[in-house]
Amino acid sequence: MIPMRLSAKYFVQDPSSVDLPALIPVFQRWITDNPFGDLLIDVVDYKHVHHGPGIILIGHQADYALDMADGIPGLLVTQKRGPASLPEALRTLLEKSLAARRLIQTDGSIQPTVEFDAGEFVITFHDRLQFPNREETLDQIRPILDKVIGEIYGDVGWSSDREARGSRHALAIRIRVPEETHADAAV
């Protein structure tokens, strides 16, 4: 299994703390500072779209967004290019997502501070042909998820649920790790 596109969304703990325009200069700084070693290209403002993509930092390898889909704000990292193996692609995605989460949470220019829950997140497999939205697919990739989550969070006994959105939607898996492990996830 070689993923074409994967994304991870870490949810904002307090949705009222989200100030989308405050993210624009932060993402613009990332283009210059290049904290991920990726080619980062431009910042796009979609805050006018109700429950839309919010503010997106477009990159060559990955996009970073403060996403407002379904009215639930969160940091959405979409990996478009990267490692060819599923374990490496998942590891890279989660490492970038956790690093971006930390950068936003510790950026002093964002007031009020935006905090993300690192203990619950959704991984989406956008290639529906390769990863059909079925329970069997989750069963097939569970050992890989177990290995990668174990490498990043430690041996924590994580749990997951396939989001029941129908077979026409991409496979989305909600992951939960124990509360005491997520604050300092190893990245």
Protein backbone atom coordinates (compact mmCIF):
# COMPACT_ATOMS: atom_id res chain seq x y z
CA MET A 1 0.00 0.00 0.00
CA ILE A 2 1.50 3.31 -1.09
CA PRO A 3 -0.51 6.37 -0.04
CA MET A 4 -0.97 9.23 -2.44
CA ARG A 5 -2.36 11.75 0.05
CA LEU A 6 -2.82 11.58 3.80
CA SER A 7 -3.99 14.16 6.29
CA ALA A 8 -4.10 14.50 10.05
CA LYS A 9 -6.33 16.92 11.97
CA TYR A 10 -5.67 17.86 15.59
CA PHE A 11 -8.65 19.63 17.14
CA VAL A 12 -8.62 22.99 18.91
CA GLN A 13 -9.44 22.59 22.61
CA ASP A 14 -11.31 25.90 22.89
CA PRO A 15 -12.96 26.87 19.58
CA SER A 16 -13.65 30.39 20.89
CA SER A 17 -9.87 30.98 21.03
CA VAL A 18 -9.51 30.74 17.25
CA ASP A 19 -8.63 33.99 15.51
CA LEU A 20 -8.11 32.97 11.88
CA PRO A 21 -6.54 36.28 10.72
CA ALA A 22 -3.86 35.90 13.43
CA LEU A 23 -2.60 32.77 11.63
CA ILE A 24 -1.85 34.59 8.38
CA PRO A 25 1.39 36.28 9.53
CA VAL A 26 2.42 33.10 11.36
CA PHE A 27 2.07 31.01 8.21
CA GLN A 28 3.81 33.73 6.18
CA ARG A 29 6.74 33.60 8.64
CA TRP A 30 6.91 29.82 8.15
CA ILE A 31 7.51 30.39 4.42
CA THR A 32 10.63 32.38 5.31
CA ASP A 33 11.78 30.37 8.34
CA ASN A 34 11.04 26.97 6.73
CA PRO A 35 10.57 25.03 10.00
CA PHE A 36 9.78 21.72 8.26
CA GLY A 37 12.39 21.68 5.49
CA ASP A 38 9.60 21.73 2.89
CA LEU A 39 9.06 24.09 0.02
CA LEU A 40 6.31 26.40 1.38
CA ILE A 41 4.69 28.56 -1.27
CA ASP A 42 1.77 30.80 -0.27
CA VAL A 43 -0.91 31.53 2.31
CA VAL A 44 -4.54 31.42 1.19
CA ASP A 45 -7.38 32.99 3.18
CA TYR A 46 -10.69 31.11 3.06
CA LYS A 47 -12.09 32.43 6.34
CA HIS A 48 -15.10 33.78 4.46
CA VAL A 49 -16.23 30.21 3.65
CA HIS A 50 -18.63 28.92 6.30
CA HIS A 51 -17.21 25.69 7.78
CA GLY A 52 -14.55 25.85 5.10
CA PRO A 53 -10.80 25.38 4.89
CA GLY A 54 -9.95 28.48 6.98
CA ILE A 55 -6.37 29.67 6.46
CA ILE A 56 -4.08 27.41 4.40
CA LEU A 57 -0.32 27.45 3.96
CA ILE A 58 0.25 25.80 0.58
CA GLY A 59 3.42 23.76 0.26
CA HIS A 60 4.96 21.46 -2.29
CA GLN A 61 5.19 18.42 0.01
CA ALA A 62 2.41 19.33 2.46
CA ASP A 63 -0.28 21.91 3.18
CA TYR A 64 -0.89 23.30 6.68
CA ALA A 65 -4.26 24.79 7.60
CA LEU A 66 -6.32 25.99 10.48
CA ASP A 67 -9.33 24.14 9.14
CA MET A 68 -12.95 24.92 10.06
CA ALA A 69 -14.64 21.92 8.36
CA ASP A 70 -17.90 20.82 9.97
CA GLY A 71 -17.60 23.81 12.31
CA ILE A 72 -14.81 22.05 14.24
CA PRO A 73 -11.58 24.05 14.14
CA GLY A 74 -8.32 22.17 14.01
CA LEU A 75 -4.84 22.02 12.60
CA LEU A 76 -5.04 20.06 9.35
CA VAL A 77 -1.82 18.87 7.75
CA THR A 78 -2.21 17.26 4.33
CA GLN A 79 0.79 15.40 3.02
CA LYS A 80 0.79 15.44 -0.78
CA ARG A 81 4.24 14.05 -1.50
CA GLY A 82 6.63 12.13 0.63
CA PRO A 83 7.86 8.69 1.57
CA ALA A 84 6.67 5.81 -0.57
CA SER A 85 5.93 3.38 2.24
CA LEU A 86 2.81 3.73 4.36
CA PRO A 87 4.70 3.54 7.70
CA GLU A 88 7.12 6.28 6.65
CA ALA A 89 4.34 8.44 5.22
CA LEU A 90 2.30 8.15 8.43
CA ARG A 91 5.34 8.85 10.62
CA THR A 92 6.26 11.92 8.56
CA LEU A 93 2.67 13.18 8.62
CA LEU A 94 2.33 12.84 12.40
CA GLU A 95 5.76 14.35 13.07
CA LYS A 96 4.97 17.38 10.90
CA SER A 97 1.52 17.73 12.45
CA LEU A 98 2.82 17.64 16.02
CA ALA A 99 5.65 20.05 15.16
CA ALA A 100 3.18 22.49 13.54
CA ARG A 101 0.87 22.15 16.54
CA ARG A 102 3.73 23.09 18.89
CA LEU A 103 4.80 26.04 16.73
CA ILE A 104 1.27 27.48 16.76
CA GLN A 105 0.77 26.87 20.49
CA THR A 106 4.06 28.55 21.41
CA ASP A 107 3.84 31.47 18.98
CA GLY A 108 3.55 34.55 21.19
CA SER A 109 1.94 36.63 18.44
CA ILE A 110 -1.29 34.60 18.57
CA GLN A 111 -3.58 35.92 21.31
CA PRO A 112 -5.41 34.22 22.80
CA THR A 113 -3.15 31.20 22.60
CA VAL A 114 -4.56 28.34 20.54
CA GLU A 115 -4.25 24.95 22.24
CA PHE A 116 -4.68 21.65 20.39
CA ASP A 117 -5.61 18.27 21.77
CA ALA A 118 -2.74 15.96 20.79
CA GLY A 119 -4.58 13.01 22.32
CA GLU A 120 -7.35 12.85 19.74
CA PHE A 121 -6.91 13.32 16.03
CA VAL A 122 -8.22 12.09 12.70
CA ILE A 123 -6.08 10.54 9.97
CA THR A 124 -7.67 10.59 6.52
CA PHE A 125 -6.57 8.42 3.61
CA HIS A 126 -7.64 10.37 0.54
CA ASP A 127 -6.95 7.65 -2.05
CA ARG A 128 -10.33 5.87 -1.98
CA LEU A 129 -9.31 3.27 -4.54
CA GLN A 130 -6.28 2.13 -2.57
CA PHE A 131 -7.88 2.68 0.86
CA PRO A 132 -11.64 2.06 0.52
CA ASN A 133 -13.74 3.30 3.41
CA ARG A 134 -14.46 -0.13 4.90
CA GLU A 135 -13.78 -1.79 8.23
CA GLU A 136 -11.55 -4.35 6.45
CA THR A 137 -9.23 -1.56 5.33
CA LEU A 138 -8.82 -0.39 8.92
CA ASP A 139 -8.10 -3.99 9.94
CA GLN A 140 -5.38 -4.18 7.24
CA ILE A 141 -3.63 -0.96 8.25
CA ARG A 142 -4.09 -1.30 12.03
CA PRO A 143 -0.69 -3.06 12.51
CA ILE A 144 1.01 -0.19 10.66
CA LEU A 145 -0.87 2.41 12.71
CA ASP A 146 0.05 0.52 15.88
CA LYS A 147 3.75 0.58 14.97
CA VAL A 148 3.83 4.26 13.99
CA ILE A 149 1.72 5.51 16.90
CA GLY A 150 3.90 3.44 19.22
CA GLU A 151 7.03 5.07 17.81
CA ILE A 152 5.63 8.57 18.28
CA TYR A 153 3.55 8.29 21.45
CA GLY A 154 5.13 5.23 23.07
CA ASP A 155 3.39 1.97 23.89
CA VAL A 156 0.15 3.61 25.02
CA GLY A 157 -2.67 1.29 24.03
CA TRP A 158 -4.36 3.68 21.59
CA SER A 159 -7.89 3.23 20.32
CA SER A 160 -9.56 4.08 17.03
CA ASP A 161 -12.86 4.28 15.24
CA ARG A 162 -13.53 4.47 11.53
CA GLU A 163 -15.65 7.54 10.93
CA ALA A 164 -18.97 6.34 9.52
CA ARG A 165 -19.45 8.78 6.67
CA GLY A 166 -20.26 6.29 3.93
CA SER A 167 -18.23 4.54 1.27
CA ARG A 168 -18.25 7.57 -1.01
CA HIS A 169 -16.07 9.46 1.48
CA ALA A 170 -12.39 8.98 2.17
CA LEU A 171 -11.37 6.59 4.93
CA ALA A 172 -11.05 8.65 8.12
CA ILE A 173 -9.85 7.11 11.36
CA ARG A 174 -10.27 8.86 14.71
CA ILE A 175 -7.33 8.01 16.95
CA ARG A 176 -7.27 8.44 20.74
CA VAL A 177 -4.22 8.10 22.94
CA PRO A 178 -4.32 8.21 26.76
CA GLU A 179 -4.37 11.74 28.16
CA GLU A 180 -1.16 11.38 30.16
CA THR A 181 0.88 10.53 27.04
CA HIS A 182 -0.12 13.19 24.56
CA ALA A 183 1.19 16.39 26.16
CA ASP A 184 4.80 15.60 25.31
CA ALA A 185 4.51 13.27 22.33
CA ALA A 186 8.01 12.50 21.12
CA VAL A 187 8.72 14.43 17.95
